[in-house]
């Protein structure tokens, strides 16, 4: 296995770990996660739904064939997290950093995305 492929999977694993850990907290009704959800006005049923959406999105992100779709879903998810944090007067640093790292990994992983974003289109 070459260095590029190892880097590809390590970066994918790191980003995926963050989202999987977050989803597990929601799906297992972790007390800390539920407390945060209540602060945002979400009940446990809604938090479960959000956890399922997050888990499905990260699975799509991990699979190379559906990785770009997963990237877009996770980016939208993080956009919602940023908006929710702003609405409730909480720091947006963590969700913005996660969003930035997600995009950096996606641009590295998917040459077609890199070409589309970084190449001047006529």
N, C-alpha and C. Protein backbone atom coordinates (compact mmCIF):
# COMPACT_ATOMS: atom_id res chain seq x y z
N UNK A 1 0.85 -1.18 0.00
CA UNK A 1 0.00 0.00 0.00
C UNK A 1 0.90 1.24 0.00
N UNK A 2 0.61 2.19 -0.87
CA UNK A 2 1.47 3.36 -0.96
C UNK A 2 1.10 4.43 0.09
N UNK A 3 1.96 5.39 0.24
CA UNK A 3 1.81 6.43 1.26
C UNK A 3 0.54 7.24 1.07
N UNK A 4 0.22 7.56 -0.17
CA UNK A 4 -0.99 8.35 -0.44
C UNK A 4 -2.25 7.62 0.03
N UNK A 5 -2.30 6.33 -0.24
CA UNK A 5 -3.47 5.54 0.15
C UNK A 5 -3.56 5.41 1.68
N UNK A 6 -2.43 5.25 2.34
CA UNK A 6 -2.42 5.17 3.80
C UNK A 6 -2.90 6.49 4.39
N UNK A 7 -2.38 7.59 3.85
CA UNK A 7 -2.80 8.92 4.31
C UNK A 7 -4.30 9.11 4.11
N UNK A 8 -4.79 8.70 2.95
CA UNK A 8 -6.21 8.77 2.58
C UNK A 8 -7.07 8.09 3.65
N UNK A 9 -6.70 6.86 4.02
CA UNK A 9 -7.51 6.10 4.98
C UNK A 9 -7.34 6.61 6.41
N UNK A 10 -6.16 7.07 6.77
CA UNK A 10 -5.96 7.62 8.12
C UNK A 10 -6.80 8.89 8.30
N UNK A 11 -6.76 9.79 7.32
CA UNK A 11 -7.55 11.02 7.40
C UNK A 11 -9.05 10.71 7.40
N UNK A 12 -9.46 9.78 6.56
CA UNK A 12 -10.86 9.38 6.52
C UNK A 12 -11.28 8.80 7.87
N UNK A 13 -10.41 7.99 8.46
CA UNK A 13 -10.70 7.39 9.76
C UNK A 13 -10.82 8.42 10.87
N UNK A 14 -9.93 9.41 10.86
CA UNK A 14 -9.98 10.45 11.90
C UNK A 14 -11.27 11.27 11.82
N UNK A 15 -11.62 11.69 10.63
CA UNK A 15 -12.86 12.46 10.46
C UNK A 15 -14.06 11.59 10.82
N UNK A 16 -14.05 10.36 10.36
CA UNK A 16 -15.17 9.45 10.63
C UNK A 16 -15.32 9.18 12.12
N UNK A 17 -14.20 9.04 12.82
CA UNK A 17 -14.23 8.80 14.26
C UNK A 17 -14.99 9.90 14.99
N UNK A 18 -14.75 11.15 14.63
CA UNK A 18 -15.43 12.28 15.28
C UNK A 18 -16.95 12.17 15.09
N UNK A 19 -17.37 11.90 13.84
CA UNK A 19 -18.80 11.82 13.57
C UNK A 19 -19.44 10.57 14.17
N UNK A 20 -18.73 9.44 14.15
CA UNK A 20 -19.28 8.21 14.73
C UNK A 20 -19.43 8.36 16.24
N UNK A 21 -18.45 8.96 16.89
CA UNK A 21 -18.54 9.17 18.33
C UNK A 21 -19.72 10.07 18.67
N UNK A 22 -19.92 11.11 17.88
CA UNK A 22 -21.04 12.00 18.10
C UNK A 22 -22.38 11.28 17.89
N UNK A 23 -22.45 10.49 16.83
CA UNK A 23 -23.69 9.75 16.54
C UNK A 23 -24.00 8.73 17.63
N UNK A 24 -22.96 8.04 18.12
CA UNK A 24 -23.18 7.05 19.18
C UNK A 24 -23.71 7.72 20.44
N UNK A 25 -23.19 8.90 20.76
CA UNK A 25 -23.70 9.64 21.91
C UNK A 25 -25.18 9.93 21.79
N UNK A 26 -25.61 10.26 20.58
CA UNK A 26 -27.03 10.55 20.35
C UNK A 26 -27.87 9.27 20.35
N UNK A 27 -27.35 8.23 19.71
CA UNK A 27 -28.12 6.99 19.58
C UNK A 27 -28.25 6.23 20.89
N UNK A 28 -27.28 6.38 21.78
CA UNK A 28 -27.33 5.67 23.05
C UNK A 28 -27.95 6.53 24.16
N UNK A 29 -28.46 7.68 23.79
CA UNK A 29 -29.08 8.60 24.74
C UNK A 29 -28.13 8.93 25.89
N UNK A 30 -26.88 9.17 25.54
CA UNK A 30 -25.86 9.59 26.49
C UNK A 30 -26.36 10.81 27.26
N UNK A 31 -26.22 10.81 28.57
CA UNK A 31 -26.74 11.89 29.41
C UNK A 31 -26.20 13.25 28.99
N UNK A 32 -24.91 13.31 28.68
CA UNK A 32 -24.29 14.58 28.25
C UNK A 32 -24.87 15.05 26.92
N UNK A 33 -25.05 14.12 25.99
CA UNK A 33 -25.62 14.45 24.69
C UNK A 33 -27.07 14.92 24.83
N UNK A 34 -27.85 14.22 25.66
CA UNK A 34 -29.24 14.63 25.86
C UNK A 34 -29.34 16.00 26.52
N UNK A 35 -28.43 16.28 27.45
CA UNK A 35 -28.41 17.59 28.10
C UNK A 35 -28.16 18.68 27.06
N UNK A 36 -27.19 18.45 26.17
CA UNK A 36 -26.91 19.43 25.13
C UNK A 36 -28.11 19.58 24.20
N UNK A 37 -28.74 18.47 23.86
CA UNK A 37 -29.93 18.51 23.01
C UNK A 37 -31.05 19.31 23.63
N UNK A 38 -31.25 19.14 24.93
CA UNK A 38 -32.28 19.90 25.64
C UNK A 38 -31.99 21.39 25.61
N UNK A 39 -30.70 21.75 25.71
CA UNK A 39 -30.32 23.16 25.63
C UNK A 39 -30.67 23.75 24.27
N UNK A 40 -30.67 22.90 23.25
CA UNK A 40 -31.02 23.34 21.90
C UNK A 40 -32.52 23.21 21.62
N UNK A 41 -33.28 22.71 22.59
CA UNK A 41 -34.71 22.55 22.41
C UNK A 41 -35.10 21.26 21.70
N UNK A 42 -34.24 20.25 21.76
CA UNK A 42 -34.52 18.98 21.10
C UNK A 42 -34.88 17.91 22.12
N UNK A 43 -35.91 17.14 21.82
CA UNK A 43 -36.26 16.03 22.71
C UNK A 43 -35.45 14.79 22.32
N UNK A 44 -35.55 13.74 23.11
CA UNK A 44 -34.73 12.55 22.89
C UNK A 44 -35.08 11.87 21.56
N UNK A 45 -36.33 11.92 21.14
CA UNK A 45 -36.74 11.32 19.87
C UNK A 45 -36.08 12.04 18.69
N UNK A 46 -36.07 13.36 18.75
CA UNK A 46 -35.45 14.16 17.69
C UNK A 46 -33.94 13.92 17.68
N UNK A 47 -33.35 13.80 18.85
CA UNK A 47 -31.91 13.56 18.95
C UNK A 47 -31.55 12.20 18.36
N UNK A 48 -32.40 11.22 18.55
CA UNK A 48 -32.19 9.90 17.96
C UNK A 48 -32.20 10.00 16.43
N UNK A 49 -33.15 10.74 15.90
CA UNK A 49 -33.24 10.93 14.45
C UNK A 49 -31.99 11.61 13.91
N UNK A 50 -31.52 12.63 14.62
CA UNK A 50 -30.31 13.34 14.21
C UNK A 50 -29.11 12.39 14.24
N UNK A 51 -29.04 11.54 15.25
CA UNK A 51 -27.96 10.56 15.35
C UNK A 51 -27.98 9.58 14.18
N UNK A 52 -29.16 9.14 13.78
CA UNK A 52 -29.28 8.23 12.64
C UNK A 52 -28.83 8.91 11.35
N UNK A 53 -29.24 10.15 11.17
CA UNK A 53 -28.83 10.91 9.98
C UNK A 53 -27.31 11.06 9.95
N UNK A 54 -26.74 11.39 11.09
CA UNK A 54 -25.29 11.55 11.20
C UNK A 54 -24.57 10.24 10.88
N UNK A 55 -25.05 9.14 11.43
CA UNK A 55 -24.43 7.84 11.20
C UNK A 55 -24.53 7.43 9.73
N UNK A 56 -25.68 7.61 9.12
CA UNK A 56 -25.85 7.29 7.70
C UNK A 56 -24.92 8.14 6.84
N UNK A 57 -24.81 9.41 7.16
CA UNK A 57 -23.94 10.31 6.39
C UNK A 57 -22.48 9.89 6.49
N UNK A 58 -22.03 9.52 7.68
CA UNK A 58 -20.63 9.13 7.84
C UNK A 58 -20.35 7.79 7.15
N UNK A 59 -21.32 6.89 7.14
CA UNK A 59 -21.14 5.63 6.41
C UNK A 59 -20.97 5.91 4.92
N UNK A 60 -21.79 6.81 4.39
CA UNK A 60 -21.66 7.19 2.98
C UNK A 60 -20.31 7.87 2.72
N UNK A 61 -19.82 8.64 3.67
CA UNK A 61 -18.52 9.30 3.56
C UNK A 61 -17.38 8.29 3.51
N UNK A 62 -17.47 7.25 4.30
CA UNK A 62 -16.40 6.25 4.38
C UNK A 62 -16.29 5.43 3.09
N UNK A 63 -17.41 5.07 2.51
CA UNK A 63 -17.41 4.25 1.30
C UNK A 63 -16.91 5.08 0.12
N UNK A 64 -15.81 4.67 -0.53
CA UNK A 64 -15.25 5.50 -1.60
C UNK A 64 -16.24 5.86 -2.71
N UNK A 65 -17.08 4.93 -3.11
CA UNK A 65 -18.02 5.19 -4.21
C UNK A 65 -19.07 6.25 -3.86
N UNK A 66 -19.43 6.36 -2.59
CA UNK A 66 -20.45 7.33 -2.17
C UNK A 66 -19.85 8.45 -1.32
N UNK A 67 -18.53 8.54 -1.31
CA UNK A 67 -17.83 9.49 -0.44
C UNK A 67 -18.19 10.94 -0.66
N UNK A 68 -18.37 11.35 -1.91
CA UNK A 68 -18.72 12.75 -2.16
C UNK A 68 -20.11 13.06 -1.64
N UNK A 69 -21.05 12.16 -1.82
CA UNK A 69 -22.40 12.36 -1.28
C UNK A 69 -22.33 12.45 0.24
N UNK A 70 -21.56 11.57 0.86
CA UNK A 70 -21.37 11.62 2.31
C UNK A 70 -20.74 12.92 2.74
N UNK A 71 -19.76 13.41 1.98
CA UNK A 71 -19.13 14.70 2.28
C UNK A 71 -20.16 15.81 2.28
N UNK A 72 -20.99 15.85 1.24
CA UNK A 72 -22.01 16.91 1.15
C UNK A 72 -23.02 16.82 2.28
N UNK A 73 -23.42 15.61 2.64
CA UNK A 73 -24.37 15.45 3.75
C UNK A 73 -23.74 15.87 5.08
N UNK A 74 -22.48 15.48 5.31
CA UNK A 74 -21.81 15.88 6.55
C UNK A 74 -21.57 17.39 6.58
N UNK A 75 -21.25 17.98 5.44
CA UNK A 75 -21.06 19.43 5.38
C UNK A 75 -22.37 20.15 5.71
N UNK A 76 -23.47 19.64 5.17
CA UNK A 76 -24.78 20.23 5.49
C UNK A 76 -25.11 20.05 6.97
N UNK A 77 -24.80 18.87 7.49
CA UNK A 77 -25.02 18.59 8.91
C UNK A 77 -24.24 19.58 9.78
N UNK A 78 -22.97 19.79 9.43
CA UNK A 78 -22.14 20.72 10.20
C UNK A 78 -22.62 22.16 10.03
N UNK A 79 -23.14 22.49 8.87
CA UNK A 79 -23.73 23.82 8.68
C UNK A 79 -24.89 24.04 9.64
N UNK A 80 -25.70 23.00 9.81
CA UNK A 80 -26.80 23.07 10.77
C UNK A 80 -26.29 23.19 12.20
N UNK A 81 -25.21 22.48 12.51
CA UNK A 81 -24.61 22.56 13.85
C UNK A 81 -24.08 23.97 14.11
N UNK A 82 -23.44 24.55 13.11
CA UNK A 82 -22.92 25.91 13.26
C UNK A 82 -24.07 26.90 13.48
N UNK A 83 -25.12 26.77 12.68
CA UNK A 83 -26.28 27.66 12.83
C UNK A 83 -26.93 27.50 14.20
N UNK A 84 -27.04 26.26 14.67
CA UNK A 84 -27.64 26.01 15.98
C UNK A 84 -26.80 26.61 17.09
N UNK A 85 -25.49 26.46 17.00
CA UNK A 85 -24.60 27.05 18.00
C UNK A 85 -24.72 28.58 18.00
N UNK A 86 -24.79 29.15 16.82
CA UNK A 86 -24.94 30.61 16.73
C UNK A 86 -26.27 31.07 17.34
N UNK A 87 -27.32 30.35 17.03
CA UNK A 87 -28.65 30.70 17.53
C UNK A 87 -28.72 30.68 19.05
N UNK A 88 -27.96 29.78 19.67
CA UNK A 88 -28.00 29.63 21.12
C UNK A 88 -26.81 30.28 21.82
N UNK A 89 -26.08 31.12 21.09
CA UNK A 89 -25.00 31.89 21.70
C UNK A 89 -23.81 31.06 22.15
N UNK A 90 -23.60 29.90 21.52
CA UNK A 90 -22.47 29.05 21.88
C UNK A 90 -21.34 29.23 20.87
N UNK A 91 -20.15 28.84 21.26
CA UNK A 91 -18.98 28.96 20.40
C UNK A 91 -19.13 28.09 19.16
N UNK A 92 -18.74 28.63 18.02
CA UNK A 92 -18.80 27.87 16.77
C UNK A 92 -17.43 27.38 16.34
N UNK A 93 -16.44 27.55 17.18
CA UNK A 93 -15.07 27.17 16.80
C UNK A 93 -14.98 25.67 16.49
N UNK A 94 -15.45 24.82 17.38
CA UNK A 94 -15.35 23.37 17.17
C UNK A 94 -16.07 22.92 15.89
N UNK A 95 -17.35 23.30 15.68
CA UNK A 95 -18.00 22.85 14.44
C UNK A 95 -17.34 23.43 13.18
N UNK A 96 -16.80 24.65 13.26
CA UNK A 96 -16.12 25.23 12.10
C UNK A 96 -14.82 24.48 11.80
N UNK A 97 -14.09 24.10 12.82
CA UNK A 97 -12.85 23.34 12.62
C UNK A 97 -13.17 21.97 12.02
N UNK A 98 -14.20 21.31 12.54
CA UNK A 98 -14.61 20.01 12.00
C UNK A 98 -15.02 20.15 10.54
N UNK A 99 -15.77 21.19 10.23
CA UNK A 99 -16.21 21.45 8.85
C UNK A 99 -15.00 21.66 7.93
N UNK A 100 -14.04 22.46 8.39
CA UNK A 100 -12.85 22.73 7.58
C UNK A 100 -12.03 21.46 7.35
N UNK A 101 -11.84 20.68 8.39
CA UNK A 101 -11.08 19.43 8.25
C UNK A 101 -11.82 18.46 7.33
N UNK A 102 -13.13 18.38 7.44
CA UNK A 102 -13.92 17.54 6.56
C UNK A 102 -13.66 17.90 5.10
N UNK A 103 -13.70 19.19 4.78
CA UNK A 103 -13.48 19.62 3.40
C UNK A 103 -12.05 19.38 2.95
N UNK A 104 -11.08 19.60 3.82
CA UNK A 104 -9.69 19.33 3.45
C UNK A 104 -9.48 17.85 3.12
N UNK A 105 -10.05 16.99 3.93
CA UNK A 105 -9.94 15.55 3.68
C UNK A 105 -10.65 15.19 2.38
N UNK A 106 -11.83 15.75 2.16
CA UNK A 106 -12.59 15.45 0.94
C UNK A 106 -11.83 15.90 -0.31
N UNK A 107 -11.23 17.07 -0.26
CA UNK A 107 -10.47 17.56 -1.41
C UNK A 107 -9.26 16.66 -1.65
N UNK A 108 -8.65 16.16 -0.60
CA UNK A 108 -7.52 15.24 -0.73
C UNK A 108 -7.98 13.89 -1.30
N UNK A 109 -9.11 13.39 -0.78
CA UNK A 109 -9.59 12.05 -1.16
C UNK A 109 -10.11 11.97 -2.58
N UNK A 110 -10.81 13.02 -3.03
CA UNK A 110 -11.54 12.94 -4.29
C UNK A 110 -10.93 13.89 -5.33
N UNK A 111 -10.14 13.35 -6.26
CA UNK A 111 -9.51 14.19 -7.27
C UNK A 111 -10.52 14.99 -8.10
N UNK A 112 -11.68 14.40 -8.37
CA UNK A 112 -12.69 15.10 -9.16
C UNK A 112 -13.22 16.33 -8.41
N UNK A 113 -13.34 16.22 -7.11
CA UNK A 113 -13.77 17.35 -6.29
C UNK A 113 -12.67 18.42 -6.26
N UNK A 114 -11.44 17.98 -6.09
CA UNK A 114 -10.30 18.90 -6.09
C UNK A 114 -10.23 19.66 -7.42
N UNK A 115 -10.39 18.94 -8.52
CA UNK A 115 -10.35 19.57 -9.84
C UNK A 115 -11.47 20.58 -10.00
N UNK A 116 -12.65 20.22 -9.56
CA UNK A 116 -13.82 21.08 -9.69
C UNK A 116 -13.66 22.36 -8.85
N UNK A 117 -13.12 22.22 -7.66
CA UNK A 117 -12.99 23.36 -6.76
C UNK A 117 -11.79 24.23 -7.10
N UNK A 118 -10.66 23.62 -7.44
CA UNK A 118 -9.40 24.36 -7.58
C UNK A 118 -9.07 24.78 -9.01
N UNK A 119 -9.77 24.26 -10.01
CA UNK A 119 -9.47 24.58 -11.39
C UNK A 119 -10.43 25.66 -11.89
N UNK A 120 -9.88 26.62 -12.59
CA UNK A 120 -10.70 27.68 -13.18
C UNK A 120 -11.56 27.09 -14.28
N UNK A 121 -12.86 27.30 -14.17
CA UNK A 121 -13.82 26.78 -15.16
C UNK A 121 -14.12 27.88 -16.18
N UNK A 122 -14.29 27.48 -17.44
CA UNK A 122 -14.63 28.45 -18.49
C UNK A 122 -16.10 28.76 -18.51
